[in-house]
Amino acid sequence: MLITNEHGVPYVYDLCCPVEINSNIRIEFDENNLCLRCPKCGSTYDITTGGPMTGTAKDGRYFLQALLCHTPSDSLLTPPL
């Protein structure tokens, strides 16, 4: 999932929910709460850090997997911590 903050800085996360064993379970953007949500376990994640906010992910401290991202100018950006 590619998300940009208010400054246009991209954040890229793996779509797989870290709680679920089935890799076909994909996180979705929840535009009402401005977070990422797993449709199966219901865990929610902060869109700027990938950190768990609620659910099993928060209990187990499961973060979304952040990925490296290249900008159009091809300068390497690091994932958020």
C-alpha atoms as a PDB file:
ATOM      1  CA  MET A   1       0.000   0.000   0.000  1.00  0.00           C
ATOM      2  CA  LEU A   2       1.422   3.389  -0.995  1.00  0.00           C
ATOM      3  CA  ILE A   3       0.435   6.334   1.173  1.00  0.00           C
ATOM      4  CA  THR A   4       1.817   9.866   1.195  1.00  0.00           C
ATOM      5  CA  ASN A   5       1.799  12.279   4.095  1.00  0.00           C
ATOM      6  CA  GLU A   6       0.828  15.947   3.871  1.00  0.00           C
ATOM      7  CA  HIS A   7       4.351  16.775   2.601  1.00  0.00           C
ATOM      8  CA  GLY A   8       4.156  14.223  -0.215  1.00  0.00           C
ATOM      9  CA  VAL A   9       6.565  11.787   1.465  1.00  0.00           C
ATOM     10  CA  PRO A  10       5.620   8.243   0.414  1.00  0.00           C
ATOM     11  CA  TYR A  11       5.146   5.398   2.874  1.00  0.00           C
ATOM     12  CA  VAL A  12       4.945   1.878   1.440  1.00  0.00           C
ATOM     13  CA  TYR A  13       3.611  -1.110   3.374  1.00  0.00           C
ATOM     14  CA  ASP A  14       3.196  -4.770   2.509  1.00  0.00           C
ATOM     15  CA  LEU A  15      -0.528  -5.487   2.091  1.00  0.00           C
ATOM     16  CA  CYS A  16      -0.410  -8.702   4.145  1.00  0.00           C
ATOM     17  CA  CYS A  17      -1.777  -8.470   7.670  1.00  0.00           C
ATOM     18  CA  PRO A  18       1.053  -9.555  10.024  1.00  0.00           C
ATOM     19  CA  VAL A  19      -1.476 -11.263  12.321  1.00  0.00           C
ATOM     20  CA  GLU A  20      -2.950 -13.552   9.662  1.00  0.00           C
ATOM     21  CA  ILE A  21      -1.272 -16.732   8.406  1.00  0.00           C
ATOM     22  CA  ASN A  22      -3.147 -16.588   5.102  1.00  0.00           C
ATOM     23  CA  SER A  23      -1.217 -14.208   2.837  1.00  0.00           C
ATOM     24  CA  ASN A  24      -4.384 -13.576   0.806  1.00  0.00           C
ATOM     25  CA  ILE A  25      -5.808 -11.493   3.683  1.00  0.00           C
ATOM     26  CA  ARG A  26      -5.023  -7.899   2.681  1.00  0.00           C
ATOM     27  CA  ILE A  27      -5.138  -4.725   4.732  1.00  0.00           C
ATOM     28  CA  GLU A  28      -7.475  -1.998   3.489  1.00  0.00           C
ATOM     29  CA  PHE A  29      -7.561   1.759   3.870  1.00  0.00           C
ATOM     30  CA  ASP A  30     -10.308   2.905   6.255  1.00  0.00           C
ATOM     31  CA  GLU A  31     -11.071   6.426   5.042  1.00  0.00           C
ATOM     32  CA  ASN A  32     -13.546   7.090   7.864  1.00  0.00           C
ATOM     33  CA  ASN A  33     -10.893   6.565  10.557  1.00  0.00           C
ATOM     34  CA  LEU A  34      -7.795   7.379   8.450  1.00  0.00           C
ATOM     35  CA  CYS A  35      -6.074   4.113   9.286  1.00  0.00           C
ATOM     36  CA  LEU A  36      -5.319   0.733   7.722  1.00  0.00           C
ATOM     37  CA  ARG A  37      -7.558  -2.180   8.761  1.00  0.00           C
ATOM     38  CA  CYS A  38      -7.492  -5.951   8.405  1.00  0.00           C
ATOM     39  CA  PRO A  39     -10.941  -7.152   7.266  1.00  0.00           C
ATOM     40  CA  LYS A  40     -10.457 -10.536   8.975  1.00  0.00           C
ATOM     41  CA  CYS A  41      -8.955  -9.884  12.428  1.00  0.00           C
ATOM     42  CA  GLY A  42     -10.102  -6.252  12.645  1.00  0.00           C
ATOM     43  CA  SER A  43      -6.695  -4.929  13.720  1.00  0.00           C
ATOM     44  CA  THR A  44      -6.009  -1.314  12.789  1.00  0.00           C
ATOM     45  CA  TYR A  45      -2.678   0.297  11.932  1.00  0.00           C
ATOM     46  CA  ASP A  46      -1.390   3.871  11.946  1.00  0.00           C
ATOM     47  CA  ILE A  47      -0.913   5.063   8.356  1.00  0.00           C
ATOM     48  CA  THR A  48       2.274   7.032   9.108  1.00  0.00           C
ATOM     49  CA  THR A  49       4.137   4.439  11.181  1.00  0.00           C
ATOM     50  CA  GLY A  50       2.549   1.077  10.355  1.00  0.00           C
ATOM     51  CA  GLY A  51       2.218   0.614  14.103  1.00  0.00           C
ATOM     52  CA  PRO A  52      -0.692  -1.333  15.586  1.00  0.00           C
ATOM     53  CA  MET A  53      -3.500   0.743  17.054  1.00  0.00           C
ATOM     54  CA  THR A  54      -6.142  -1.837  18.023  1.00  0.00           C
ATOM     55  CA  GLY A  55      -6.919  -5.543  18.010  1.00  0.00           C
ATOM     56  CA  THR A  56      -4.698  -8.598  17.991  1.00  0.00           C
ATOM     57  CA  ALA A  57      -1.930  -6.632  16.262  1.00  0.00           C
ATOM     58  CA  LYS A  58      -1.722  -4.217  19.209  1.00  0.00           C
ATOM     59  CA  ASP A  59      -1.811  -7.037  21.759  1.00  0.00           C
ATOM     60  CA  GLY A  60       1.031  -8.859  19.968  1.00  0.00           C
ATOM     61  CA  ARG A  61       2.858  -5.709  18.823  1.00  0.00           C
ATOM     62  CA  TYR A  62       2.644  -6.704  15.165  1.00  0.00           C
ATOM     63  CA  PHE A  63       3.710  -3.850  12.885  1.00  0.00           C
ATOM     64  CA  LEU A  64       3.065  -3.670   9.163  1.00  0.00           C
ATOM     65  CA  GLN A  65       6.121  -4.497   7.061  1.00  0.00           C
ATOM     66  CA  ALA A  66       7.538  -1.215   5.729  1.00  0.00           C
ATOM     67  CA  LEU A  67       9.236  -1.356   2.323  1.00  0.00           C
ATOM     68  CA  LEU A  68      11.831   0.857   0.655  1.00  0.00           C
ATOM     69  CA  CYS A  69      10.500   3.310  -1.897  1.00  0.00           C
ATOM     70  CA  HIS A  70      12.100   5.153  -4.795  1.00  0.00           C
ATOM     71  CA  THR A  71      10.860   8.592  -5.768  1.00  0.00           C
ATOM     72  CA  PRO A  72      10.578   9.703  -9.414  1.00  0.00           C
ATOM     73  CA  SER A  73      13.956  11.413  -8.993  1.00  0.00           C
ATOM     74  CA  ASP A  74      15.257   7.932  -8.033  1.00  0.00           C
ATOM     75  CA  SER A  75      16.525   8.992  -4.613  1.00  0.00           C
ATOM     76  CA  LEU A  76      16.083   6.215  -2.066  1.00  0.00           C
ATOM     77  CA  LEU A  77      13.686   6.812   0.812  1.00  0.00           C
ATOM     78  CA  THR A  78      13.792   4.794   3.989  1.00  0.00           C
ATOM     79  CA  PRO A  79      10.676   3.309   5.568  1.00  0.00           C
ATOM     80  CA  PRO A  80       9.202   5.009   8.637  1.00  0.00           C
ATOM     81  CA  LEU A  81      10.402   3.777  12.009  1.00  0.00           C
END
